[in-house]
Structure formats: structure tokens, C-alpha cells
PDB file of N, CA and C in Angstrom:
ATOM      1  N   MET A   1      42.044 -23.573  27.405  1.00  0.00           N
ATOM      2  CA  MET A   1      41.701 -22.168  27.015  1.00  0.00           C
ATOM      3  C   MET A   1      41.081 -22.296  25.777  1.00  0.00           C
ATOM      4  N   ALA A   2      41.240 -23.419  24.748  1.00  0.00           N
ATOM      5  CA  ALA A   2      40.758 -23.298  23.487  1.00  0.00           C
ATOM      6  C   ALA A   2      39.103 -23.657  23.713  1.00  0.00           C
ATOM      7  N   ARG A   3      38.926 -24.653  24.721  1.00  0.00           N
ATOM      8  CA  ARG A   3      37.537 -25.068  25.128  1.00  0.00           C
ATOM      9  C   ARG A   3      36.746 -23.681  25.521  1.00  0.00           C
ATOM     10  N   SER A   4      37.399 -22.829  26.206  1.00  0.00           N
ATOM     11  CA  SER A   4      36.586 -21.350  26.342  1.00  0.00           C
ATOM     12  C   SER A   4      36.373 -20.728  25.071  1.00  0.00           C
ATOM     13  N   ILE A   5      37.303 -20.601  24.305  1.00  0.00           N
ATOM     14  CA  ILE A   5      36.981 -20.051  23.203  1.00  0.00           C
ATOM     15  C   ILE A   5      35.969 -20.517  22.172  1.00  0.00           C
ATOM     16  N   SER A   6      36.070 -21.865  22.451  1.00  0.00           N
ATOM     17  CA  SER A   6      34.913 -22.749  21.519  1.00  0.00           C
ATOM     18  C   SER A   6      33.623 -22.459  21.928  1.00  0.00           C
ATOM     19  N   SER A   7      33.486 -22.310  23.418  1.00  0.00           N
ATOM     20  CA  SER A   7      32.052 -21.915  24.033  1.00  0.00           C
ATOM     21  C   SER A   7      31.945 -20.808  23.777  1.00  0.00           C
ATOM     22  N   SER A   8      32.578 -19.484  23.774  1.00  0.00           N
ATOM     23  CA  SER A   8      32.213 -18.342  23.144  1.00  0.00           C
ATOM     24  C   SER A   8      32.271 -18.302  22.032  1.00  0.00           C
ATOM     25  N   SER A   9      32.831 -19.021  21.057  1.00  0.00           N
ATOM     26  CA  SER A   9      32.437 -19.065  19.802  1.00  0.00           C
ATOM     27  C   SER A   9      31.021 -19.361  19.581  1.00  0.00           C
ATOM     28  N   SER A  10      30.387 -20.476  20.080  1.00  0.00           N
ATOM     29  CA  SER A  10      29.154 -21.191  20.345  1.00  0.00           C
ATOM     30  C   SER A  10      28.264 -20.360  20.589  1.00  0.00           C
ATOM     31  N   SER A  11      28.628 -19.596  21.677  1.00  0.00           N
ATOM     32  CA  SER A  11      27.727 -18.594  22.234  1.00  0.00           C
ATOM     33  C   SER A  11      27.429 -17.428  21.106  1.00  0.00           C
ATOM     34  N   SER A  12      28.318 -16.765  20.589  1.00  0.00           N
ATOM     35  CA  SER A  12      28.245 -16.039  19.562  1.00  0.00           C
ATOM     36  C   SER A  12      27.684 -16.245  18.694  1.00  0.00           C
ATOM     37  N   SER A  13      27.737 -17.596  18.197  1.00  0.00           N
ATOM     38  CA  SER A  13      27.079 -18.096  16.715  1.00  0.00           C
ATOM     39  C   SER A  13      25.666 -18.285  17.103  1.00  0.00           C
ATOM     40  N   SER A  14      25.215 -18.599  18.564  1.00  0.00           N
ATOM     41  CA  SER A  14      23.786 -18.560  18.917  1.00  0.00           C
ATOM     42  C   SER A  14      23.074 -17.285  19.127  1.00  0.00           C
ATOM     43  N   SER A  15      23.874 -16.238  19.420  1.00  0.00           N
ATOM     44  CA  SER A  15      23.396 -15.085  19.263  1.00  0.00           C
ATOM     45  C   SER A  15      23.179 -14.673  18.022  1.00  0.00           C
ATOM     46  N   LEU A  16      24.058 -14.708  16.977  1.00  0.00           N
ATOM     47  CA  LEU A  16      23.914 -14.489  15.812  1.00  0.00           C
ATOM     48  C   LEU A  16      22.710 -14.932  15.063  1.00  0.00           C
ATOM     49  N   LEU A  17      22.503 -16.383  15.350  1.00  0.00           N
ATOM     50  CA  LEU A  17      21.422 -16.855  14.523  1.00  0.00           C
ATOM     51  C   LEU A  17      19.986 -16.335  15.282  1.00  0.00           C
ATOM     52  N   LEU A  18      19.898 -16.126  16.648  1.00  0.00           N
ATOM     53  CA  LEU A  18      18.979 -15.528  17.249  1.00  0.00           C
ATOM     54  C   LEU A  18      18.596 -14.135  16.584  1.00  0.00           C
ATOM     55  N   ALA A  19      19.345 -13.305  16.556  1.00  0.00           N
ATOM     56  CA  ALA A  19      19.335 -11.995  15.867  1.00  0.00           C
ATOM     57  C   ALA A  19      18.721 -12.146  14.647  1.00  0.00           C
ATOM     58  N   LEU A  20      19.395 -13.135  13.545  1.00  0.00           N
ATOM     59  CA  LEU A  20      19.008 -13.173  12.377  1.00  0.00           C
ATOM     60  C   LEU A  20      17.494 -13.562  12.307  1.00  0.00           C
ATOM     61  N   ALA A  21      17.157 -14.830  13.251  1.00  0.00           N
ATOM     62  CA  ALA A  21      15.792 -15.178  13.255  1.00  0.00           C
ATOM     63  C   ALA A  21      14.720 -13.937  13.386  1.00  0.00           C
ATOM     64  N   VAL A  22      15.141 -13.131  14.350  1.00  0.00           N
ATOM     65  CA  VAL A  22      14.457 -11.946  14.746  1.00  0.00           C
ATOM     66  C   VAL A  22      14.033 -10.974  13.706  1.00  0.00           C
ATOM     67  N   ALA A  23      15.270 -10.884  12.850  1.00  0.00           N
ATOM     68  CA  ALA A  23      15.277  -9.977  11.793  1.00  0.00           C
ATOM     69  C   ALA A  23      14.470 -10.411  10.623  1.00  0.00           C
ATOM     70  N   VAL A  24      14.529 -11.457  10.217  1.00  0.00           N
ATOM     71  CA  VAL A  24      13.833 -12.315   9.297  1.00  0.00           C
ATOM     72  C   VAL A  24      12.451 -12.288   9.582  1.00  0.00           C
ATOM     73  N   ALA A  25      12.011 -12.544  10.946  1.00  0.00           N
ATOM     74  CA  ALA A  25      10.724 -12.561  11.486  1.00  0.00           C
ATOM     75  C   ALA A  25      10.175 -11.203  11.457  1.00  0.00           C
ATOM     76  N   ALA A  26      10.674 -10.143  11.621  1.00  0.00           N
ATOM     77  CA  ALA A  26      10.308  -8.636  11.664  1.00  0.00           C
ATOM     78  C   ALA A  26      10.368  -8.256  10.048  1.00  0.00           C
ATOM     79  N   LEU A  27      11.032  -8.735   9.238  1.00  0.00           N
ATOM     80  CA  LEU A  27      11.055  -8.469   7.774  1.00  0.00           C
ATOM     81  C   LEU A  27       9.756  -9.016   7.211  1.00  0.00           C
ATOM     82  N   PHE A  28       9.425 -10.206   7.773  1.00  0.00           N
ATOM     83  CA  PHE A  28       8.198 -11.021   7.123  1.00  0.00           C
ATOM     84  C   PHE A  28       7.001 -10.276   7.559  1.00  0.00           C
ATOM     85  N   CYS A  29       7.031  -9.698   8.792  1.00  0.00           N
ATOM     86  CA  CYS A  29       5.719  -8.850   9.197  1.00  0.00           C
ATOM     87  C   CYS A  29       5.702  -7.554   8.659  1.00  0.00           C
ATOM     88  N   ALA A  30       6.847  -7.107   8.478  1.00  0.00           N
ATOM     89  CA  ALA A  30       6.661  -5.735   7.365  1.00  0.00           C
ATOM     90  C   ALA A  30       6.321  -5.841   6.445  1.00  0.00           C
ATOM     91  N   ASN A  31       6.710  -7.048   5.726  1.00  0.00           N
ATOM     92  CA  ASN A  31       6.160  -7.378   4.217  1.00  0.00           C
ATOM     93  C   ASN A  31       4.800  -7.326   4.146  1.00  0.00           C
ATOM     94  N   GLU A  32       3.977  -8.381   5.226  1.00  0.00           N
ATOM     95  CA  GLU A  32       2.577  -8.345   5.317  1.00  0.00           C
ATOM     96  C   GLU A  32       1.924  -7.005   5.494  1.00  0.00           C
ATOM     97  N   ALA A  33       2.333  -6.156   6.260  1.00  0.00           N
ATOM     98  CA  ALA A  33       1.989  -4.839   6.559  1.00  0.00           C
ATOM     99  C   ALA A  33       2.202  -3.990   5.399  1.00  0.00           C
ATOM    100  N   VAL A  34       2.950  -4.148   4.484  1.00  0.00           N
ATOM    101  CA  VAL A  34       3.297  -3.459   2.979  1.00  0.00           C
ATOM    102  C   VAL A  34       2.281  -4.183   2.211  1.00  0.00           C
ATOM    103  N   THR A  35       1.926  -5.101   2.160  1.00  0.00           N
ATOM    104  CA  THR A  35       1.042  -5.798   1.195  1.00  0.00           C
ATOM    105  C   THR A  35      -0.379  -5.289   1.623  1.00  0.00           C
ATOM    106  N   VAL A  36      -0.614  -5.170   2.878  1.00  0.00           N
ATOM    107  CA  VAL A  36      -2.214  -4.729   3.074  1.00  0.00           C
ATOM    108  C   VAL A  36      -2.304  -3.522   2.909  1.00  0.00           C
ATOM    109  N   MET A  37      -1.150  -2.659   3.112  1.00  0.00           N
ATOM    110  CA  MET A  37      -1.390  -1.362   2.899  1.00  0.00           C
ATOM    111  C   MET A  37      -1.613  -0.741   1.516  1.00  0.00           C
ATOM    112  N   ALA A  38      -0.685  -1.634   0.393  1.00  0.00           N
ATOM    113  CA  ALA A  38      -0.912  -1.530  -1.003  1.00  0.00           C
ATOM    114  C   ALA A  38      -2.069  -1.907  -1.405  1.00  0.00           C
ATOM    115  N   ASP A  39      -2.835  -2.934  -1.072  1.00  0.00           N
ATOM    116  CA  ASP A  39      -4.002  -3.307  -1.044  1.00  0.00           C
ATOM    117  C   ASP A  39      -5.089  -2.334  -1.163  1.00  0.00           C
ATOM    118  N   ARG A  40      -4.905  -1.908   0.314  1.00  0.00           N
ATOM    119  CA  ARG A  40      -5.993  -0.823   0.729  1.00  0.00           C
ATOM    120  C   ARG A  40      -6.061   0.320  -0.114  1.00  0.00           C
ATOM    121  N   GLN A  41      -4.703   0.757  -0.611  1.00  0.00           N
ATOM    122  CA  GLN A  41      -4.643   2.082  -1.435  1.00  0.00           C
ATOM    123  C   GLN A  41      -5.380   1.507  -2.824  1.00  0.00           C
ATOM    124  N   HIS A  42      -4.966   0.540  -3.415  1.00  0.00           N
ATOM    125  CA  HIS A  42      -5.609   0.301  -4.607  1.00  0.00           C
ATOM    126  C   HIS A  42      -7.219  -0.156  -4.556  1.00  0.00           C
ATOM    127  N   ASP A  43      -7.626  -0.559  -3.345  1.00  0.00           N
ATOM    128  CA  ASP A  43      -9.058  -0.533  -3.263  1.00  0.00           C
ATOM    129  C   ASP A  43      -9.744   0.741  -3.202  1.00  0.00           C
ATOM    130  N   VAL A  44      -8.992   1.784  -2.221  1.00  0.00           N
ATOM    131  CA  VAL A  44      -9.684   3.125  -2.336  1.00  0.00           C
ATOM    132  C   VAL A  44      -9.891   3.655  -3.501  1.00  0.00           C
ATOM    133  N   LEU A  45      -8.684   3.685  -4.350  1.00  0.00           N
ATOM    134  CA  LEU A  45      -8.686   4.071  -5.780  1.00  0.00           C
ATOM    135  C   LEU A  45      -9.734   3.642  -6.521  1.00  0.00           C
ATOM    136  N   MET A  46      -9.818   2.302  -6.609  1.00  0.00           N
ATOM    137  CA  MET A  46     -10.916   1.519  -7.410  1.00  0.00           C
ATOM    138  C   MET A  46     -12.383   2.072  -6.814  1.00  0.00           C
ATOM    139  N   ASP A  47     -12.506   2.131  -5.555  1.00  0.00           N
ATOM    140  CA  ASP A  47     -13.760   2.596  -5.057  1.00  0.00           C
ATOM    141  C   ASP A  47     -14.079   4.392  -5.846  1.00  0.00           C
ATOM    142  N   LEU A  48     -13.105   4.828  -5.859  1.00  0.00           N
ATOM    143  CA  LEU A  48     -13.263   6.372  -6.194  1.00  0.00           C
ATOM    144  C   LEU A  48     -13.502   6.243  -7.760  1.00  0.00           C
ATOM    145  N   PHE A  49     -12.763   5.410  -8.498  1.00  0.00           N
ATOM    146  CA  PHE A  49     -13.143   5.227  -9.819  1.00  0.00           C
ATOM    147  C   PHE A  49     -14.454   4.657  -9.997  1.00  0.00           C
ATOM    148  N   THR A  50     -15.204   3.700  -9.696  1.00  0.00           N
ATOM    149  CA  THR A  50     -16.375   3.051  -9.616  1.00  0.00           C
ATOM    150  C   THR A  50     -17.437   4.204  -9.392  1.00  0.00           C
ATOM    151  N   THR A  51     -17.152   4.942  -8.181  1.00  0.00           N
ATOM    152  CA  THR A  51     -18.455   5.613  -7.700  1.00  0.00           C
ATOM    153  C   THR A  51     -18.389   6.875  -8.452  1.00  0.00           C
ATOM    154  N   THR A  52     -17.413   7.537  -9.301  1.00  0.00           N
ATOM    155  CA  THR A  52     -17.463   8.658 -10.081  1.00  0.00           C
ATOM    156  C   THR A  52     -17.697   8.799 -11.310  1.00  0.00           C
ATOM    157  N   GLY A  53     -18.114   7.287 -11.740  1.00  0.00           N
ATOM    158  CA  GLY A  53     -18.339   7.022 -13.203  1.00  0.00           C
ATOM    159  C   GLY A  53     -17.288   6.641 -14.062  1.00  0.00           C
ATOM    160  N   GLY A  54     -15.989   6.343 -13.439  1.00  0.00           N
ATOM    161  CA  GLY A  54     -14.835   6.190 -14.332  1.00  0.00           C
ATOM    162  C   GLY A  54     -15.243   4.696 -14.990  1.00  0.00           C
ATOM    163  N   SER A  55     -15.637   4.001 -14.091  1.00  0.00           N
ATOM    164  CA  SER A  55     -15.932   2.347 -14.692  1.00  0.00           C
ATOM    165  C   SER A  55     -17.010   2.393 -15.819  1.00  0.00           C
ATOM    166  N   ALA A  56     -17.987   3.373 -15.947  1.00  0.00           N
ATOM    167  CA  ALA A  56     -18.903   3.256 -16.901  1.00  0.00           C
ATOM    168  C   ALA A  56     -18.433   4.035 -17.675  1.00  0.00           C
ATOM    169  N   GLY A  57     -17.338   4.267 -17.907  1.00  0.00           N
ATOM    170  CA  GLY A  57     -16.699   4.978 -19.444  1.00  0.00           C
ATOM    171  C   GLY A  57     -17.184   6.562 -19.113  1.00  0.00           C
ATOM    172  N   GLY A  58     -17.351   7.226 -17.976  1.00  0.00           N
ATOM    173  CA  GLY A  58     -17.443   8.640 -18.147  1.00  0.00           C
ATOM    174  C   GLY A  58     -16.472   9.790 -17.830  1.00  0.00           C
ATOM    175  N   TRP A  59     -15.627   9.036 -17.482  1.00  0.00           N
ATOM    176  CA  TRP A  59     -14.010   9.790 -17.376  1.00  0.00           C
ATOM    177  C   TRP A  59     -13.557  10.179 -18.775  1.00  0.00           C
ATOM    178  N   LYS A  60     -13.122  11.324 -18.878  1.00  0.00           N
ATOM    179  CA  LYS A  60     -12.296  11.785 -19.985  1.00  0.00           C
ATOM    180  C   LYS A  60     -11.336  10.728 -20.495  1.00  0.00           C
ATOM    181  N   ASP A  61     -10.355  10.738 -19.250  1.00  0.00           N
ATOM    182  CA  ASP A  61      -9.068  10.119 -19.466  1.00  0.00           C
ATOM    183  C   ASP A  61      -9.014   9.124 -18.132  1.00  0.00           C
ATOM    184  N   SER A  62      -9.137   7.742 -18.320  1.00  0.00           N
ATOM    185  CA  SER A  62      -8.848   6.788 -17.356  1.00  0.00           C
ATOM    186  C   SER A  62      -7.985   5.898 -17.553  1.00  0.00           C
ATOM    187  N   THR A  63      -6.790   6.453 -18.163  1.00  0.00           N
ATOM    188  CA  THR A  63      -5.533   5.652 -18.765  1.00  0.00           C
ATOM    189  C   THR A  63      -5.072   4.711 -17.425  1.00  0.00           C
ATOM    190  N   ASN A  64      -4.974   3.548 -17.558  1.00  0.00           N
ATOM    191  CA  ASN A  64      -4.541   2.289 -16.784  1.00  0.00           C
ATOM    192  C   ASN A  64      -5.624   2.232 -15.313  1.00  0.00           C
ATOM    193  N   TRP A  65      -6.423   2.830 -15.195  1.00  0.00           N
ATOM    194  CA  TRP A  65      -7.333   2.764 -14.094  1.00  0.00           C
ATOM    195  C   TRP A  65      -8.017   1.085 -13.878  1.00  0.00           C
ATOM    196  N   GLY A  66      -7.559   0.647 -13.095  1.00  0.00           N
ATOM    197  CA  GLY A  66      -8.021  -0.825 -12.909  1.00  0.00           C
ATOM    198  C   GLY A  66      -7.513  -1.716 -13.634  1.00  0.00           C
ATOM    199  N   VAL A  67      -6.648  -1.256 -14.779  1.00  0.00           N
ATOM    200  CA  VAL A  67      -6.016  -2.166 -15.798  1.00  0.00           C
ATOM    201  C   VAL A  67      -4.689  -2.677 -15.147  1.00  0.00           C
ATOM    202  N   ALA A  68      -3.744  -1.704 -15.088  1.00  0.00           N
ATOM    203  CA  ALA A  68      -2.323  -1.809 -14.639  1.00  0.00           C
ATOM    204  C   ALA A  68      -2.676  -2.138 -13.115  1.00  0.00           C
ATOM    205  N   LYS A  69      -1.535  -3.103 -12.557  1.00  0.00           N
ATOM    206  CA  LYS A  69      -1.784  -3.538 -11.086  1.00  0.00           C
ATOM    207  C   LYS A  69      -1.041  -2.381 -10.401  1.00  0.00           C
ATOM    208  N   ASP A  70       0.030  -1.757 -11.161  1.00  0.00           N
ATOM    209  CA  ASP A  70       0.585  -0.543 -10.402  1.00  0.00           C
ATOM    210  C   ASP A  70      -0.090   0.678 -10.445  1.00  0.00           C
ATOM    211  N   TYR A  71      -0.841   1.048  -9.312  1.00  0.00           N
ATOM    212  CA  TYR A  71      -1.871   2.044  -9.421  1.00  0.00           C
ATOM    213  C   TYR A  71      -0.934   3.376  -9.517  1.00  0.00           C
ATOM    214  N   CYS A  72       0.327   3.297  -9.210  1.00  0.00           N
ATOM    215  CA  CYS A  72       1.029   4.573  -9.469  1.00  0.00           C
ATOM    216  C   CYS A  72       1.169   4.981 -10.861  1.00  0.00           C
ATOM    217  N   THR A  73       0.709   4.078 -11.701  1.00  0.00           N
ATOM    218  CA  THR A  73       1.035   4.310 -13.387  1.00  0.00           C
ATOM    219  C   THR A  73      -0.424   4.916 -13.615  1.00  0.00           C
ATOM    220  N   TRP A  74      -1.372   4.992 -12.942  1.00  0.00           N
ATOM    221  CA  TRP A  74      -2.849   5.026 -13.178  1.00  0.00           C
ATOM    222  C   TRP A  74      -2.672   6.915 -13.513  1.00  0.00           C
ATOM    223  N   LYS A  75      -3.549   7.380 -14.295  1.00  0.00           N
ATOM    224  CA  LYS A  75      -3.644   8.766 -14.662  1.00  0.00           C
ATOM    225  C   LYS A  75      -4.110   9.371 -13.400  1.00  0.00           C
ATOM    226  N   GLY A  76      -3.257  10.541 -12.930  1.00  0.00           N
ATOM    227  CA  GLY A  76      -3.695  11.386 -12.103  1.00  0.00           C
ATOM    228  C   GLY A  76      -3.099  11.069 -10.690  1.00  0.00           C
ATOM    229  N   ILE A  77      -2.491   9.728 -10.585  1.00  0.00           N
ATOM    230  CA  ILE A  77      -1.824   9.357  -9.294  1.00  0.00           C
ATOM    231  C   ILE A  77      -0.294   9.577  -9.328  1.00  0.00           C
ATOM    232  N   LYS A  78      -0.238  10.112  -8.038  1.00  0.00           N
ATOM    233  CA  LYS A  78       1.524  10.582  -7.924  1.00  0.00           C
ATOM    234  C   LYS A  78       1.853   9.553  -6.448  1.00  0.00           C
ATOM    235  N   CYS A  79       2.740   8.934  -6.723  1.00  0.00           N
ATOM    236  CA  CYS A  79       3.570   8.071  -5.529  1.00  0.00           C
ATOM    237  C   CYS A  79       4.722   8.478  -5.247  1.00  0.00           C
ATOM    238  N   VAL A  80       5.186   8.156  -4.103  1.00  0.00           N
ATOM    239  CA  VAL A  80       6.415   7.961  -3.706  1.00  0.00           C
ATOM    240  C   VAL A  80       6.833   6.500  -3.139  1.00  0.00           C
ATOM    241  N   MET A  81       7.984   6.145  -3.349  1.00  0.00           N
ATOM    242  CA  MET A  81       8.228   4.972  -2.730  1.00  0.00           C
ATOM    243  C   MET A  81       8.861   5.071  -1.268  1.00  0.00           C
ATOM    244  N   ASN A  82       8.163   4.268  -0.217  1.00  0.00           N
ATOM    245  CA  ASN A  82       8.397   4.400   1.075  1.00  0.00           C
ATOM    246  C   ASN A  82       9.213   3.033   1.451  1.00  0.00           C
ATOM    247  N   ILE A  83       9.930   3.130   2.609  1.00  0.00           N
ATOM    248  CA  ILE A  83      10.672   1.849   3.133  1.00  0.00           C
ATOM    249  C   ILE A  83       9.744   1.155   3.682  1.00  0.00           C
ATOM    250  N   PRO A  84       9.862  -0.118   3.165  1.00  0.00           N
ATOM    251  CA  PRO A  84      10.772  -0.765   2.367  1.00  0.00           C
ATOM    252  C   PRO A  84      10.434  -0.952   0.990  1.00  0.00           C
ATOM    253  N   GLY A  85      10.169  -0.012   0.103  1.00  0.00           N
ATOM    254  CA  GLY A  85       9.487  -0.091  -1.003  1.00  0.00           C
ATOM    255  C   GLY A  85       8.296  -0.244  -1.534  1.00  0.00           C
ATOM    256  N   THR A  86       7.525   0.334  -0.583  1.00  0.00           N
ATOM    257  CA  THR A  86       6.002   0.383  -0.563  1.00  0.00           C
ATOM    258  C   THR A  86       5.428   1.631  -1.351  1.00  0.00           C
ATOM    259  N   PRO A  87       4.748   1.662  -2.414  1.00  0.00           N
ATOM    260  CA  PRO A  87       4.171   2.864  -2.868  1.00  0.00           C
ATOM    261  C   PRO A  87       3.120   3.584  -1.961  1.00  0.00           C
ATOM    262  N   VAL A  88       3.514   4.881  -1.809  1.00  0.00           N
ATOM    263  CA  VAL A  88       2.459   5.761  -0.935  1.00  0.00           C
ATOM    264  C   VAL A  88       1.985   6.632  -1.987  1.00  0.00           C
ATOM    265  N   ILE A  89       0.548   6.969  -2.082  1.00  0.00           N
ATOM    266  CA  ILE A  89       0.150   7.680  -2.426  1.00  0.00           C
ATOM    267  C   ILE A  89       0.154   9.194  -2.071  1.00  0.00           C
ATOM    268  N   ILE A  90       0.603  10.013  -2.731  1.00  0.00           N
ATOM    269  CA  ILE A  90       0.753  11.491  -2.187  1.00  0.00           C
ATOM    270  C   ILE A  90      -0.031  12.445  -2.968  1.00  0.00           C
ATOM    271  N   ASN A  91      -0.419  12.267  -3.959  1.00  0.00           N
ATOM    272  CA  ASN A  91      -1.389  13.253  -4.618  1.00  0.00           C
ATOM    273  C   ASN A  91      -2.272  12.372  -5.739  1.00  0.00           C
ATOM    274  N   VAL A  92      -3.592  12.931  -5.884  1.00  0.00           N
ATOM    275  CA  VAL A  92      -4.284  12.483  -6.796  1.00  0.00           C
ATOM    276  C   VAL A  92      -5.192  13.725  -7.434  1.00  0.00           C
ATOM    277  N   VAL A  93      -4.860  13.969  -8.710  1.00  0.00           N
ATOM    278  CA  VAL A  93      -5.151  15.165  -9.791  1.00  0.00           C
ATOM    279  C   VAL A  93      -6.102  14.715 -10.902  1.00  0.00           C
ATOM    280  N   LEU A  94      -7.327  14.550 -10.684  1.00  0.00           N
ATOM    281  CA  LEU A  94      -8.190  14.156 -11.632  1.00  0.00           C
ATOM    282  C   LEU A  94      -9.119  15.545 -12.103  1.00  0.00           C
ATOM    283  N   LYS A  95      -8.602  16.693 -12.175  1.00  0.00           N
ATOM    284  CA  LYS A  95      -9.191  17.796 -12.576  1.00  0.00           C
ATOM    285  C   LYS A  95      -9.474  17.748 -14.031  1.00  0.00           C
ATOM    286  N   ASN A  96     -10.872  18.404 -14.251  1.00  0.00           N
ATOM    287  CA  ASN A  96     -11.484  18.551 -15.735  1.00  0.00           C
ATOM    288  C   ASN A  96     -11.286  17.036 -16.374  1.00  0.00           C
ATOM    289  N   ASN A  97     -11.555  15.957 -15.614  1.00  0.00           N
ATOM    290  CA  ASN A  97     -11.755  14.706 -15.914  1.00  0.00           C
ATOM    291  C   ASN A  97     -13.198  14.052 -16.114  1.00  0.00           C
ATOM    292  N   ASN A  98     -14.207  15.090 -16.040  1.00  0.00           N
ATOM    293  CA  ASN A  98     -15.659  14.442 -15.946  1.00  0.00           C
ATOM    294  C   ASN A  98     -15.961  13.439 -14.817  1.00  0.00           C
ATOM    295  N   LEU A  99     -15.463  13.809 -13.757  1.00  0.00           N
ATOM    296  CA  LEU A  99     -15.948  12.847 -12.447  1.00  0.00           C
ATOM    297  C   LEU A  99     -17.320  13.156 -12.085  1.00  0.00           C
ATOM    298  N   GLN A 100     -18.126  12.210 -11.917  1.00  0.00           N
ATOM    299  CA  GLN A 100     -19.715  12.383 -11.702  1.00  0.00           C
ATOM    300  C   GLN A 100     -19.868  12.082 -10.123  1.00  0.00           C
ATOM    301  N   VAL A 101     -20.343  13.032  -9.411  1.00  0.00           N
ATOM    302  CA  VAL A 101     -20.504  12.611  -7.898  1.00  0.00           C
ATOM    303  C   VAL A 101     -22.159  13.049  -7.602  1.00  0.00           C
ATOM    304  N   GLN A 102     -22.498  12.118  -7.025  1.00  0.00           N
ATOM    305  CA  GLN A 102     -23.897  11.986  -6.687  1.00  0.00           C
ATOM    306  C   GLN A 102     -24.144  12.528  -5.340  1.00  0.00           C
ATOM    307  N   TYR A 103     -24.800  13.397  -5.033  1.00  0.00           N
ATOM    308  CA  TYR A 103     -24.810  13.945  -3.754  1.00  0.00           C
ATOM    309  C   TYR A 103     -26.077  13.611  -3.123  1.00  0.00           C
ATOM    310  N   SER A 104     -26.075  13.151  -1.866  1.00  0.00           N
ATOM    311  CA  SER A 104     -27.647  12.710  -1.369  1.00  0.00           C
ATOM    312  C   SER A 104     -27.785  13.511  -0.255  1.00  0.00           C
ATOM    313  N   THR A 105     -29.037  13.711  -0.082  1.00  0.00           N
ATOM    314  CA  THR A 105     -29.717  14.758   0.965  1.00  0.00           C
ATOM    315  C   THR A 105     -29.898  13.558   2.122  1.00  0.00           C
ATOM    316  N   VAL A 106     -29.418  14.046   3.362  1.00  0.00           N
ATOM    317  CA  VAL A 106     -29.838  13.041   4.409  1.00  0.00           C
ATOM    318  C   VAL A 106     -30.835  13.671   5.117  1.00  0.00           C
ATOM    319  N   GLN A 107     -31.933  13.298   5.776  1.00  0.00           N
ATOM    320  CA  GLN A 107     -33.142  13.912   5.974  1.00  0.00           C
ATOM    321  C   GLN A 107     -33.077  13.499   7.725  1.00  0.00           C
ATOM    322  N   HIS A 108     -33.283  14.111   8.563  1.00  0.00           N
ATOM    323  CA  HIS A 108     -33.207  13.805   9.948  1.00  0.00           C
ATOM    324  C   HIS A 108     -34.929  14.126  10.455  1.00  0.00           C
ATOM    325  N   SER A 109     -35.255  13.221  11.007  1.00  0.00           N
ATOM    326  CA  SER A 109     -36.909  13.296  11.520  1.00  0.00           C
ATOM    327  C   SER A 109     -36.660  13.955  13.024  1.00  0.00           C
ATOM    328  N   ALA A 110     -37.530  14.828  13.250  1.00  0.00           N
ATOM    329  CA  ALA A 110     -37.464  15.446  14.728  1.00  0.00           C
ATOM    330  C   ALA A 110     -38.265  14.725  15.652  1.00  0.00           C
ATOM    331  N   ALA A 111     -37.613  14.152  16.666  1.00  0.00           N
ATOM    332  CA  ALA A 111     -38.286  13.134  17.650  1.00  0.00           C
ATOM    333  C   ALA A 111     -39.167  13.796  18.536  1.00  0.00           C
TER     334      ALA A 111
END
């Protein structure tokens, strides 16, 4: 009977180790996705900053833009923390900040 308990215990340990390995792998993949998402949000905000004159000094207030790593501290950006701790932009307010937008006219030629 002791042998049966030992075998069952070994089987339980193997199952536990397998479950732990799967959980660690899932966590690693989730962390990779979190990093990619944060990087994309940062890149989009920096594109907004450069294309509207912020990087050229045209904005009235560009506090922390492009300087602080945490884009949730940038002037006009509001974030919430998503599971597993990823900052998610929920609001961008840059009203009366002298953003300069260039409109281009697209001309279509009639064939």
C-alpha cells in the first residue's frame, strides 16, 4: 500500500510540475504581449507628438513627452492599469496646446 501512495504522490507531483510549467509559459507569453502593447502605445504617442509640432517646440505644454519612459505621466495622457499591470491609454486631452496639423489634399485623376 505504501508503494501505491508513493506512486500516486509521484503522479501528483508530476501533474503539479506540468501545471506549473504551463502557467510559467503562459505568463512569459503574456508578458511579451504586454511589452509589445506598451511599445506600440508609446510609438503612436510619439508619432502624434512629432507630426503635430510637439518635437519642434510648437506645443504650449509638452511636459514629459518623449522624456519620461512612462507615457502615462505625459501631459494630457490618462491611463488605467490593465491586468497584468499594463498601462492602457483611455484618454488623450491636448486641447488648446497649439497642435499643428497639416492637411493634405488628395487628388484623384479620372481615368
